[in-house]
């Protein structure tokens, strides 16, 4: 799957939830994880982060929104139940994205929402645990951007094979090609001299 993504949480206060969140991010292949304005003991989150995600991928603690830094070209996507948010089943995930979730007992701050390129929501009746919400978003990203065999019309497993990746033919540079690229060869045998006459390109003829 092309691209990368990161998972983050704002205002986290429950380290066990954060540990579960980042363990799931590690399982889904996240490139990095982060917190913004978190208030918990980092060591406590290791109780639920049994995969030791912080040792397997970059892990950032940003003290506030102003100090948050993302890679160039990375879209920040807030996940929050707002009236104008894009519903997850209708959302096209960017290839480079960082998803940020609100705290366990609160919403994603208005300041962070303004900072986001997109606001995304999971269509459900009420809020759920932040780690569960992140799992749903990451799974949706996986099935929409990943390479899988198409679902069949009838119930059951796929009846078509997984698409084979196509990379184009492999190109090799030969000794002959390298000689063509040699600037000394160009200097010894320059191309014909062309001049513009009446708006048309004509070749000079010294014999005329």
N, C-alpha and C. Protein backbone atom coordinates (compact mmCIF):
# COMPACT_ATOMS: atom_id res chain seq x y z
N UNK A 1 0.85 -1.19 0.00
CA UNK A 1 0.00 0.00 0.00
C UNK A 1 0.89 1.24 0.00
N UNK A 2 0.65 2.15 -0.92
CA UNK A 2 1.45 3.35 -1.04
C UNK A 2 1.12 4.36 0.06
N UNK A 3 2.04 5.27 0.30
CA UNK A 3 1.81 6.32 1.27
C UNK A 3 2.13 5.90 2.69
N UNK A 4 1.68 6.71 3.64
CA UNK A 4 1.92 6.43 5.06
C UNK A 4 0.83 7.12 5.86
N UNK A 5 0.72 6.76 7.14
CA UNK A 5 -0.23 7.45 8.01
C UNK A 5 0.27 7.40 9.45
N UNK A 6 -0.21 8.35 10.23
CA UNK A 6 0.08 8.39 11.65
C UNK A 6 -1.21 8.49 12.44
N UNK A 7 -1.13 8.11 13.71
CA UNK A 7 -2.30 8.13 14.60
C UNK A 7 -1.94 8.95 15.84
N UNK A 8 -2.85 9.89 16.19
CA UNK A 8 -2.59 10.72 17.36
C UNK A 8 -3.83 10.98 18.17
N UNK A 9 -3.64 11.49 19.38
CA UNK A 9 -4.75 11.81 20.27
C UNK A 9 -4.44 13.11 20.99
N UNK A 10 -5.46 13.94 21.14
CA UNK A 10 -5.32 15.23 21.82
C UNK A 10 -5.89 15.15 23.23
N UNK A 11 -5.16 15.74 24.18
CA UNK A 11 -5.66 15.84 25.54
C UNK A 11 -5.86 14.52 26.24
N UNK A 12 -5.08 13.53 25.92
CA UNK A 12 -5.26 12.20 26.53
C UNK A 12 -4.91 12.24 28.02
N UNK A 13 -5.71 11.53 28.83
CA UNK A 13 -5.46 11.48 30.27
C UNK A 13 -5.42 10.05 30.80
N UNK A 14 -5.83 9.08 29.95
CA UNK A 14 -5.85 7.68 30.38
C UNK A 14 -4.78 6.91 29.62
N UNK A 15 -3.66 6.65 30.27
CA UNK A 15 -2.53 5.99 29.59
C UNK A 15 -2.85 4.61 29.05
N UNK A 16 -3.75 3.89 29.70
CA UNK A 16 -4.07 2.55 29.22
C UNK A 16 -4.77 2.61 27.87
N UNK A 17 -5.64 3.61 27.69
CA UNK A 17 -6.29 3.79 26.39
C UNK A 17 -5.28 4.18 25.32
N UNK A 18 -4.34 5.03 25.69
CA UNK A 18 -3.31 5.44 24.74
C UNK A 18 -2.45 4.25 24.33
N UNK A 19 -2.12 3.40 25.30
CA UNK A 19 -1.34 2.21 24.99
C UNK A 19 -2.08 1.29 24.03
N UNK A 20 -3.38 1.12 24.25
CA UNK A 20 -4.20 0.29 23.34
C UNK A 20 -4.28 0.92 21.96
N UNK A 21 -4.44 2.25 21.91
CA UNK A 21 -4.53 2.97 20.65
C UNK A 21 -3.27 2.78 19.81
N UNK A 22 -2.11 2.96 20.44
CA UNK A 22 -0.87 2.88 19.68
C UNK A 22 -0.46 1.44 19.37
N UNK A 23 -0.91 0.51 20.18
CA UNK A 23 -0.69 -0.90 19.85
C UNK A 23 -1.46 -1.26 18.58
N UNK A 24 -2.71 -0.77 18.47
CA UNK A 24 -3.50 -1.00 17.26
C UNK A 24 -2.87 -0.31 16.05
N UNK A 25 -2.37 0.92 16.26
CA UNK A 25 -1.71 1.64 15.17
C UNK A 25 -0.51 0.85 14.65
N UNK A 26 0.24 0.28 15.57
CA UNK A 26 1.38 -0.55 15.17
C UNK A 26 0.91 -1.77 14.38
N UNK A 27 -0.17 -2.39 14.81
CA UNK A 27 -0.68 -3.58 14.12
C UNK A 27 -1.15 -3.26 12.71
N UNK A 28 -1.74 -2.08 12.51
CA UNK A 28 -2.23 -1.69 11.19
C UNK A 28 -1.15 -1.08 10.30
N UNK A 29 0.07 -0.98 10.82
CA UNK A 29 1.18 -0.50 10.00
C UNK A 29 1.36 1.00 9.98
N UNK A 30 0.97 1.68 11.06
CA UNK A 30 1.16 3.13 11.12
C UNK A 30 2.65 3.47 11.07
N UNK A 31 2.96 4.60 10.48
CA UNK A 31 4.36 5.03 10.37
C UNK A 31 4.83 5.79 11.60
N UNK A 32 3.88 6.40 12.34
CA UNK A 32 4.24 7.12 13.55
C UNK A 32 3.00 7.32 14.40
N UNK A 33 3.20 7.66 15.66
CA UNK A 33 2.11 7.94 16.59
C UNK A 33 2.46 9.20 17.36
N UNK A 34 1.43 9.91 17.86
CA UNK A 34 1.71 11.16 18.56
C UNK A 34 0.60 11.51 19.53
N UNK A 35 0.94 12.33 20.50
CA UNK A 35 -0.04 12.91 21.42
C UNK A 35 0.11 14.43 21.37
N UNK A 36 -0.98 15.13 21.67
CA UNK A 36 -0.98 16.59 21.74
C UNK A 36 -1.58 16.97 23.09
N UNK A 37 -0.81 17.72 23.90
CA UNK A 37 -1.30 18.18 25.20
C UNK A 37 -1.77 17.00 26.06
N UNK A 38 -0.96 15.98 26.12
CA UNK A 38 -1.32 14.79 26.92
C UNK A 38 -0.94 14.99 28.38
N UNK A 39 -1.66 14.33 29.27
CA UNK A 39 -1.41 14.43 30.71
C UNK A 39 -1.49 13.04 31.32
N UNK A 40 -0.41 12.28 31.20
CA UNK A 40 -0.37 10.96 31.81
C UNK A 40 1.08 10.50 31.91
N UNK A 41 1.30 9.48 32.72
CA UNK A 41 2.63 8.89 32.85
C UNK A 41 2.87 7.97 31.67
N UNK A 42 3.91 8.24 30.91
CA UNK A 42 4.20 7.47 29.70
C UNK A 42 4.42 6.00 30.02
N UNK A 43 5.05 5.71 31.15
CA UNK A 43 5.36 4.32 31.48
C UNK A 43 4.10 3.49 31.71
N UNK A 44 3.03 4.13 32.19
CA UNK A 44 1.81 3.39 32.50
C UNK A 44 1.16 2.81 31.26
N UNK A 45 1.32 3.47 30.12
CA UNK A 45 0.69 3.01 28.88
C UNK A 45 1.29 1.69 28.40
N UNK A 46 2.47 1.34 28.90
CA UNK A 46 3.10 0.09 28.46
C UNK A 46 2.32 -1.14 28.92
N UNK A 47 1.43 -0.96 29.91
CA UNK A 47 0.65 -2.10 30.40
C UNK A 47 -0.27 -2.66 29.32
N UNK A 48 -0.79 -1.80 28.44
CA UNK A 48 -1.66 -2.27 27.37
C UNK A 48 -0.95 -2.29 26.02
N UNK A 49 0.17 -1.61 25.91
CA UNK A 49 0.94 -1.63 24.66
C UNK A 49 1.91 -2.80 24.71
N UNK A 50 1.36 -4.00 24.61
CA UNK A 50 2.18 -5.20 24.73
C UNK A 50 3.11 -5.43 23.54
N UNK A 51 2.86 -4.75 22.43
CA UNK A 51 3.74 -4.89 21.26
C UNK A 51 4.92 -3.92 21.33
N UNK A 52 4.93 -3.07 22.38
CA UNK A 52 5.99 -2.06 22.54
C UNK A 52 6.10 -1.20 21.29
N UNK A 53 4.96 -0.61 20.91
CA UNK A 53 4.89 0.17 19.68
C UNK A 53 5.87 1.32 19.66
N UNK A 54 6.12 1.93 20.84
CA UNK A 54 7.03 3.07 20.88
C UNK A 54 8.46 2.70 20.53
N UNK A 55 8.78 1.41 20.57
CA UNK A 55 10.11 0.95 20.19
C UNK A 55 10.16 0.52 18.73
N UNK A 56 8.99 0.45 18.08
CA UNK A 56 8.93 -0.04 16.70
C UNK A 56 8.62 1.07 15.69
N UNK A 57 8.13 2.21 16.15
CA UNK A 57 7.81 3.32 15.25
C UNK A 57 8.01 4.63 15.99
N UNK A 58 8.25 5.72 15.27
CA UNK A 58 8.42 7.03 15.93
C UNK A 58 7.20 7.41 16.77
N UNK A 59 7.46 8.01 17.91
CA UNK A 59 6.43 8.30 18.89
C UNK A 59 6.68 9.72 19.40
N UNK A 60 5.78 10.67 19.11
CA UNK A 60 6.00 12.07 19.42
C UNK A 60 5.03 12.56 20.48
N UNK A 61 5.55 13.35 21.44
CA UNK A 61 4.72 14.02 22.44
C UNK A 61 4.80 15.52 22.18
N UNK A 62 3.74 16.10 21.61
CA UNK A 62 3.72 17.54 21.36
C UNK A 62 3.03 18.23 22.54
N UNK A 63 3.67 19.23 23.14
CA UNK A 63 3.06 19.88 24.32
C UNK A 63 1.77 20.61 24.01
N UNK A 64 1.64 21.14 22.78
CA UNK A 64 0.42 21.84 22.38
C UNK A 64 0.33 21.85 20.87
N UNK A 65 -0.76 22.42 20.36
CA UNK A 65 -1.01 22.43 18.93
C UNK A 65 0.04 23.24 18.17
N UNK A 66 0.49 24.36 18.77
CA UNK A 66 1.46 25.22 18.09
C UNK A 66 2.79 24.52 17.86
N UNK A 67 3.10 23.54 18.69
CA UNK A 67 4.38 22.83 18.56
C UNK A 67 4.26 21.52 17.81
N UNK A 68 3.08 21.22 17.30
CA UNK A 68 2.90 19.99 16.54
C UNK A 68 3.51 20.13 15.15
N UNK A 69 4.27 19.14 14.73
CA UNK A 69 4.91 19.15 13.42
C UNK A 69 4.59 17.85 12.69
N UNK A 70 4.25 17.99 11.41
CA UNK A 70 3.96 16.83 10.57
C UNK A 70 4.85 16.87 9.33
N UNK A 71 5.04 15.73 8.67
CA UNK A 71 5.85 15.73 7.44
C UNK A 71 5.23 16.61 6.37
N UNK A 72 6.06 17.13 5.49
CA UNK A 72 5.58 17.96 4.38
C UNK A 72 4.61 17.17 3.50
N UNK A 73 3.47 17.76 3.20
CA UNK A 73 2.47 17.10 2.36
C UNK A 73 1.55 16.15 3.10
N UNK A 74 1.69 16.07 4.41
CA UNK A 74 0.85 15.17 5.21
C UNK A 74 -0.43 15.90 5.62
N UNK A 75 -1.58 15.33 5.31
CA UNK A 75 -2.88 15.92 5.65
C UNK A 75 -3.26 15.57 7.08
N UNK A 76 -3.70 16.57 7.84
CA UNK A 76 -4.18 16.33 9.20
C UNK A 76 -5.69 16.11 9.14
N UNK A 77 -6.14 14.98 9.66
CA UNK A 77 -7.55 14.60 9.59
C UNK A 77 -8.08 14.42 11.00
N UNK A 78 -9.03 15.27 11.39
CA UNK A 78 -9.65 15.14 12.69
C UNK A 78 -10.83 14.18 12.63
N UNK A 79 -10.99 13.41 13.67
CA UNK A 79 -12.11 12.46 13.75
C UNK A 79 -13.02 12.91 14.89
N UNK A 80 -14.20 13.39 14.53
CA UNK A 80 -15.12 13.95 15.51
C UNK A 80 -16.54 13.92 14.98
N UNK A 81 -17.51 13.75 15.86
CA UNK A 81 -18.93 13.73 15.47
C UNK A 81 -19.44 15.17 15.39
N UNK A 82 -19.26 15.80 14.26
CA UNK A 82 -19.78 17.15 14.03
C UNK A 82 -20.78 17.09 12.88
N UNK A 83 -21.72 18.03 12.81
CA UNK A 83 -22.75 17.99 11.76
C UNK A 83 -22.19 18.03 10.35
N UNK A 84 -21.09 18.76 10.15
CA UNK A 84 -20.55 18.94 8.80
C UNK A 84 -19.42 17.97 8.47
N UNK A 85 -19.10 17.06 9.37
CA UNK A 85 -18.01 16.12 9.12
C UNK A 85 -18.34 15.16 7.98
N UNK A 86 -17.31 14.71 7.30
CA UNK A 86 -17.48 13.74 6.21
C UNK A 86 -17.69 12.35 6.79
N UNK A 87 -18.70 11.65 6.32
CA UNK A 87 -18.95 10.31 6.82
C UNK A 87 -17.88 9.35 6.28
N UNK A 88 -17.38 8.50 7.15
CA UNK A 88 -16.28 7.61 6.81
C UNK A 88 -16.51 6.77 5.56
N UNK A 89 -17.70 6.17 5.34
CA UNK A 89 -17.87 5.35 4.13
C UNK A 89 -17.78 6.14 2.83
N UNK A 90 -17.91 7.47 2.91
CA UNK A 90 -17.86 8.32 1.70
C UNK A 90 -16.54 9.07 1.58
N UNK A 91 -15.58 8.75 2.44
CA UNK A 91 -14.33 9.51 2.49
C UNK A 91 -13.22 8.83 1.70
N UNK A 92 -12.49 9.63 0.91
CA UNK A 92 -11.31 9.15 0.19
C UNK A 92 -10.08 9.49 1.01
N UNK A 93 -9.39 8.48 1.52
CA UNK A 93 -8.22 8.71 2.36
C UNK A 93 -7.05 9.24 1.55
N UNK A 94 -6.40 10.31 2.00
CA UNK A 94 -5.17 10.76 1.33
C UNK A 94 -4.07 9.70 1.51
N UNK A 95 -3.15 9.64 0.58
CA UNK A 95 -2.07 8.67 0.71
C UNK A 95 -1.15 9.01 1.87
N UNK A 96 -1.03 10.30 2.21
CA UNK A 96 -0.20 10.74 3.34
C UNK A 96 -1.11 11.45 4.34
N UNK A 97 -1.30 10.86 5.50
CA UNK A 97 -2.29 11.40 6.42
C UNK A 97 -1.89 11.16 7.87
N UNK A 98 -2.35 12.07 8.73
CA UNK A 98 -2.23 11.90 10.18
C UNK A 98 -3.62 12.08 10.76
N UNK A 99 -4.12 11.07 11.47
CA UNK A 99 -5.46 11.11 12.06
C UNK A 99 -5.34 11.48 13.54
N UNK A 100 -6.10 12.47 13.96
CA UNK A 100 -6.06 12.88 15.36
C UNK A 100 -7.45 12.73 15.96
N UNK A 101 -7.50 12.15 17.16
CA UNK A 101 -8.75 11.89 17.86
C UNK A 101 -8.81 12.75 19.12
N UNK A 102 -10.03 13.01 19.59
CA UNK A 102 -10.21 13.78 20.81
C UNK A 102 -9.98 12.93 22.05
N UNK A 103 -9.99 13.55 23.23
CA UNK A 103 -9.77 12.81 24.49
C UNK A 103 -10.92 11.87 24.81
N UNK A 104 -10.70 11.05 25.82
CA UNK A 104 -11.68 10.02 26.16
C UNK A 104 -13.02 10.61 26.61
N UNK A 105 -12.97 11.68 27.35
CA UNK A 105 -14.20 12.29 27.86
C UNK A 105 -14.32 13.73 27.36
N UNK A 106 -14.20 13.91 26.07
CA UNK A 106 -14.31 15.25 25.51
C UNK A 106 -14.25 15.20 23.99
N UNK A 107 -14.28 16.37 23.41
CA UNK A 107 -14.28 16.49 21.95
C UNK A 107 -12.93 17.01 21.47
N UNK A 108 -12.70 16.84 20.21
CA UNK A 108 -11.54 17.44 19.57
C UNK A 108 -11.70 18.96 19.66
N UNK A 109 -10.70 19.65 20.17
CA UNK A 109 -10.83 21.09 20.43
C UNK A 109 -11.12 21.86 19.15
N UNK A 110 -11.85 22.98 19.24
CA UNK A 110 -12.13 23.81 18.06
C UNK A 110 -10.86 24.28 17.37
N UNK A 111 -9.81 24.57 18.15
CA UNK A 111 -8.54 25.00 17.56
C UNK A 111 -7.95 23.91 16.68
N UNK A 112 -7.98 22.67 17.16
CA UNK A 112 -7.45 21.56 16.37
C UNK A 112 -8.31 21.30 15.14
N UNK A 113 -9.62 21.42 15.29
CA UNK A 113 -10.51 21.22 14.14
C UNK A 113 -10.22 22.24 13.04
N UNK A 114 -9.93 23.49 13.41
CA UNK A 114 -9.60 24.50 12.42
C UNK A 114 -8.27 24.19 11.73
N UNK A 115 -7.41 23.49 12.44
CA UNK A 115 -6.08 23.14 11.92
C UNK A 115 -6.15 21.97 10.93
N UNK A 116 -7.25 21.24 10.95
CA UNK A 116 -7.36 20.02 10.15
C UNK A 116 -7.71 20.32 8.69
N UNK A 117 -7.23 19.49 7.81
CA UNK A 117 -7.59 19.58 6.39
C UNK A 117 -8.97 18.98 6.15
N UNK A 118 -9.32 17.95 6.93
CA UNK A 118 -10.63 17.31 6.83
C UNK A 118 -11.10 16.93 8.23
N UNK A 119 -12.43 16.94 8.42
CA UNK A 119 -13.03 16.41 9.64
C UNK A 119 -13.85 15.20 9.23
N UNK A 120 -13.60 14.12 9.88
CA UNK A 120 -14.17 12.82 9.51
C UNK A 120 -15.01 12.31 10.68
N UNK A 121 -16.13 11.62 10.36
CA UNK A 121 -16.92 11.03 11.44
C UNK A 121 -17.36 9.62 11.06
N UNK A 122 -17.45 8.79 12.09
CA UNK A 122 -17.97 7.44 11.92
C UNK A 122 -19.48 7.52 12.13
N UNK A 123 -20.29 7.13 11.15
CA UNK A 123 -21.74 7.27 11.30
C UNK A 123 -22.32 6.33 12.35
N UNK A 124 -22.47 6.83 13.55
CA UNK A 124 -23.07 6.04 14.64
C UNK A 124 -23.83 6.97 15.57
N UNK A 125 -24.60 6.41 16.48
CA UNK A 125 -25.53 7.19 17.31
C UNK A 125 -24.83 8.00 18.39
N UNK A 126 -23.71 7.50 18.91
CA UNK A 126 -23.01 8.20 19.97
C UNK A 126 -21.53 7.85 19.93
N UNK A 127 -20.74 8.55 20.72
CA UNK A 127 -19.29 8.34 20.73
C UNK A 127 -18.94 6.97 21.31
N UNK A 128 -17.81 6.45 20.86
CA UNK A 128 -17.31 5.18 21.37
C UNK A 128 -15.89 5.39 21.89
N UNK A 129 -15.32 4.37 22.47
CA UNK A 129 -13.95 4.43 22.97
C UNK A 129 -13.00 4.86 21.86
N UNK A 130 -12.04 5.73 22.21
CA UNK A 130 -11.15 6.31 21.21
C UNK A 130 -10.33 5.25 20.48
N UNK A 131 -9.91 4.22 21.19
CA UNK A 131 -9.12 3.16 20.55
C UNK A 131 -9.98 2.38 19.55
N UNK A 132 -11.24 2.15 19.88
CA UNK A 132 -12.13 1.45 18.96
C UNK A 132 -12.40 2.31 17.72
N UNK A 133 -12.62 3.60 17.94
CA UNK A 133 -12.84 4.51 16.81
C UNK A 133 -11.64 4.52 15.88
N UNK A 134 -10.44 4.54 16.45
CA UNK A 134 -9.23 4.53 15.63
C UNK A 134 -9.11 3.23 14.84
N UNK A 135 -9.47 2.12 15.45
CA UNK A 135 -9.43 0.83 14.75
C UNK A 135 -10.36 0.84 13.53
N UNK A 136 -11.54 1.42 13.69
CA UNK A 136 -12.49 1.48 12.58
C UNK A 136 -11.93 2.32 11.43
N UNK A 137 -11.35 3.47 11.76
CA UNK A 137 -10.78 4.35 10.74
C UNK A 137 -9.60 3.68 10.03
N UNK A 138 -8.73 3.04 10.79
CA UNK A 138 -7.57 2.38 10.19
C UNK A 138 -7.98 1.19 9.33
N UNK A 139 -9.01 0.47 9.76
CA UNK A 139 -9.49 -0.65 8.95
C UNK A 139 -10.09 -0.15 7.64
N UNK A 140 -10.84 0.96 7.72
CA UNK A 140 -11.41 1.53 6.50
C UNK A 140 -10.31 1.97 5.55
N UNK A 141 -9.26 2.57 6.07
CA UNK A 141 -8.13 2.97 5.24
C UNK A 141 -7.50 1.75 4.59
N UNK A 142 -7.36 0.68 5.35
CA UNK A 142 -6.73 -0.54 4.84
C UNK A 142 -7.52 -1.15 3.69
N UNK A 143 -8.84 -1.26 3.85
CA UNK A 143 -9.63 -1.95 2.81
C UNK A 143 -9.85 -1.07 1.58
N UNK A 144 -9.73 0.27 1.73
CA UNK A 144 -9.95 1.14 0.57
C UNK A 144 -8.66 1.43 -0.19
N UNK A 145 -7.53 1.47 0.50
CA UNK A 145 -6.25 1.76 -0.16
C UNK A 145 -5.40 0.51 -0.38
N UNK A 146 -5.73 -0.57 0.30
CA UNK A 146 -4.96 -1.79 0.15
C UNK A 146 -5.30 -2.54 -1.12
N UNK A 147 -4.53 -3.57 -1.39
CA UNK A 147 -4.76 -4.38 -2.60
C UNK A 147 -5.34 -5.73 -2.16
N UNK A 148 -6.65 -5.90 -2.39
CA UNK A 148 -7.34 -7.12 -2.00
C UNK A 148 -8.21 -7.62 -3.15
N UNK A 149 -8.52 -8.88 -3.12
CA UNK A 149 -9.45 -9.42 -4.11
C UNK A 149 -10.82 -8.78 -3.89
N UNK A 150 -11.58 -8.49 -4.95
CA UNK A 150 -12.89 -7.84 -4.80
C UNK A 150 -13.88 -8.74 -4.08
N UNK A 151 -14.81 -8.11 -3.37
CA UNK A 151 -15.84 -8.87 -2.67
C UNK A 151 -16.80 -9.48 -3.69
N UNK A 152 -17.27 -10.70 -3.46
CA UNK A 152 -18.22 -11.32 -4.38
C UNK A 152 -19.62 -10.74 -4.19
N UNK A 153 -20.48 -10.98 -5.15
CA UNK A 153 -21.87 -10.51 -5.05
C UNK A 153 -22.62 -11.33 -4.01
N UNK A 154 -22.38 -12.64 -4.02
CA UNK A 154 -23.03 -13.51 -3.04
C UNK A 154 -22.18 -13.61 -1.78
N UNK A 155 -22.82 -14.14 -0.71
CA UNK A 155 -22.11 -14.29 0.56
C UNK A 155 -20.96 -15.27 0.42
N UNK A 156 -19.89 -14.98 1.10
CA UNK A 156 -18.75 -15.88 1.07
C UNK A 156 -17.48 -15.16 0.69
N UNK A 157 -16.44 -15.94 0.48
CA UNK A 157 -15.12 -15.40 0.16
C UNK A 157 -15.00 -14.98 -1.29
N UNK A 158 -13.88 -14.39 -1.65
CA UNK A 158 -13.69 -13.89 -3.02
C UNK A 158 -13.61 -15.02 -4.03
N UNK A 159 -14.09 -14.75 -5.23
CA UNK A 159 -14.01 -15.73 -6.31
C UNK A 159 -13.01 -15.28 -7.37
N UNK A 160 -12.48 -14.07 -7.21
CA UNK A 160 -11.46 -13.55 -8.11
C UNK A 160 -10.14 -13.44 -7.37
N UNK A 161 -9.06 -13.55 -8.12
CA UNK A 161 -7.74 -13.46 -7.52
C UNK A 161 -7.41 -12.01 -7.17
N UNK A 162 -6.49 -11.83 -6.23
CA UNK A 162 -6.02 -10.50 -5.88
C UNK A 162 -5.30 -9.88 -7.08
N UNK A 163 -5.55 -8.60 -7.38
CA UNK A 163 -4.88 -7.97 -8.53
C UNK A 163 -3.37 -8.06 -8.42
N UNK A 164 -2.73 -8.36 -9.53
CA UNK A 164 -1.27 -8.45 -9.57
C UNK A 164 -0.71 -7.05 -9.78
N UNK A 165 0.24 -6.61 -8.95
CA UNK A 165 0.80 -5.27 -9.13
C UNK A 165 1.56 -5.16 -10.44
N UNK A 166 1.42 -4.01 -11.10
CA UNK A 166 2.10 -3.78 -12.37
C UNK A 166 3.08 -2.63 -12.19
N UNK A 167 4.35 -2.90 -12.42
CA UNK A 167 5.39 -1.90 -12.20
C UNK A 167 6.01 -1.40 -13.50
N UNK A 168 5.59 -1.92 -14.64
CA UNK A 168 6.22 -1.53 -15.90
C UNK A 168 7.48 -2.33 -16.14
N UNK A 169 7.98 -2.27 -17.36
CA UNK A 169 9.17 -3.07 -17.66
C UNK A 169 10.41 -2.44 -17.07
N UNK A 170 11.37 -3.29 -16.79
CA UNK A 170 12.61 -2.84 -16.19
C UNK A 170 13.54 -2.28 -17.26
N UNK A 171 14.17 -1.15 -16.98
CA UNK A 171 15.06 -0.51 -17.93
C UNK A 171 16.50 -0.70 -17.51
N UNK A 172 17.35 -1.01 -18.48
CA UNK A 172 18.77 -1.18 -18.22
C UNK A 172 19.56 -0.20 -19.09
N UNK A 173 20.57 0.40 -18.54
CA UNK A 173 21.45 1.28 -19.30
C UNK A 173 22.65 0.48 -19.79
N UNK A 174 22.84 0.45 -21.10
CA UNK A 174 23.96 -0.28 -21.68
C UNK A 174 25.14 0.66 -21.89
N UNK A 175 26.29 0.07 -22.27
CA UNK A 175 27.49 0.87 -22.54
C UNK A 175 27.21 1.83 -23.70
N UNK A 176 26.43 1.38 -24.68
CA UNK A 176 26.08 2.22 -25.82
C UNK A 176 25.27 3.43 -25.37
N UNK A 177 24.34 3.23 -24.44
CA UNK A 177 23.54 4.33 -23.94
C UNK A 177 24.41 5.35 -23.20
N UNK A 178 25.38 4.85 -22.44
CA UNK A 178 26.26 5.75 -21.71
C UNK A 178 27.10 6.60 -22.65
N UNK A 179 27.52 6.01 -23.78
CA UNK A 179 28.28 6.77 -24.76
C UNK A 179 27.44 7.88 -25.38
N UNK A 180 26.15 7.58 -25.59
CA UNK A 180 25.26 8.60 -26.15
C UNK A 180 25.10 9.78 -25.20
N UNK A 181 25.16 9.50 -23.91
CA UNK A 181 24.97 10.56 -22.92
C UNK A 181 26.26 11.32 -22.63
N UNK A 182 27.37 10.95 -23.25
CA UNK A 182 28.65 11.58 -23.01
C UNK A 182 28.68 12.96 -23.68
N UNK A 183 28.88 14.05 -22.95
CA UNK A 183 28.90 15.38 -23.56
C UNK A 183 30.05 15.57 -24.55
N UNK A 184 31.16 14.85 -24.37
CA UNK A 184 32.28 14.97 -25.29
C UNK A 184 31.89 14.50 -26.69
N UNK A 185 31.05 13.47 -26.77
CA UNK A 185 30.57 12.99 -28.06
C UNK A 185 29.76 14.07 -28.76
N UNK A 186 28.96 14.81 -27.99
CA UNK A 186 28.15 15.90 -28.57
C UNK A 186 29.04 17.02 -29.11
N UNK A 187 30.12 17.32 -28.37
CA UNK A 187 31.01 18.40 -28.81
C UNK A 187 31.73 18.03 -30.10
N UNK A 188 32.11 16.76 -30.27
CA UNK A 188 32.83 16.33 -31.46
C UNK A 188 31.93 16.29 -32.69
N UNK A 189 30.65 15.97 -32.50
CA UNK A 189 29.72 15.87 -33.63
C UNK A 189 28.46 16.66 -33.30
N UNK A 190 28.52 17.99 -33.41
CA UNK A 190 27.33 18.81 -33.09
C UNK A 190 26.22 18.57 -34.09
N UNK A 191 24.99 18.85 -33.70
CA UNK A 191 23.86 18.67 -34.63
C UNK A 191 23.89 19.73 -35.73
N UNK A 192 23.13 19.56 -36.81
CA UNK A 192 23.09 20.55 -37.90
C UNK A 192 22.63 21.90 -37.38
N UNK A 193 23.08 22.96 -38.05
CA UNK A 193 22.69 24.31 -37.67
C UNK A 193 21.38 24.68 -38.36
N UNK A 194 20.41 25.11 -37.55
CA UNK A 194 19.11 25.49 -38.10
C UNK A 194 18.87 26.98 -37.87
N UNK A 195 18.26 27.62 -38.81
CA UNK A 195 17.93 29.04 -38.68
C UNK A 195 16.45 29.24 -39.00
N UNK A 196 15.88 30.27 -38.42
CA UNK A 196 14.46 30.56 -38.65
C UNK A 196 14.34 31.57 -39.79
N UNK A 197 13.65 31.18 -40.87
CA UNK A 197 13.43 32.06 -42.01
C UNK A 197 11.94 32.11 -42.31
N UNK A 198 11.36 33.30 -42.20
CA UNK A 198 9.92 33.47 -42.45
C UNK A 198 9.07 32.56 -41.56
N UNK A 199 9.51 32.40 -40.32
CA UNK A 199 8.72 31.61 -39.38
C UNK A 199 8.88 30.12 -39.55
N UNK A 200 9.75 29.65 -40.46
CA UNK A 200 9.92 28.22 -40.65
C UNK A 200 11.36 27.85 -40.39
N UNK A 201 11.58 26.62 -39.92
CA UNK A 201 12.93 26.14 -39.67
C UNK A 201 13.48 25.54 -40.95
N UNK A 202 14.62 26.09 -41.43
CA UNK A 202 15.26 25.54 -42.62
C UNK A 202 16.72 25.32 -42.31
N UNK A 203 17.30 24.33 -42.96
CA UNK A 203 18.68 24.00 -42.68
C UNK A 203 19.59 24.86 -43.57
N UNK A 204 20.64 25.44 -42.97
CA UNK A 204 21.59 26.24 -43.72
C UNK A 204 22.35 25.37 -44.71
N UNK A 205 22.55 25.86 -45.90
CA UNK A 205 23.31 25.14 -46.91
C UNK A 205 24.43 26.05 -47.38
N UNK A 206 25.67 25.72 -47.02
CA UNK A 206 26.79 26.57 -47.37
C UNK A 206 27.07 26.59 -48.86
N UNK A 207 26.54 25.59 -49.63
CA UNK A 207 26.82 25.51 -51.07
C UNK A 207 26.00 26.51 -51.86
N UNK A 208 24.86 27.02 -51.29
CA UNK A 208 23.99 27.98 -52.01
C UNK A 208 24.64 29.34 -52.06
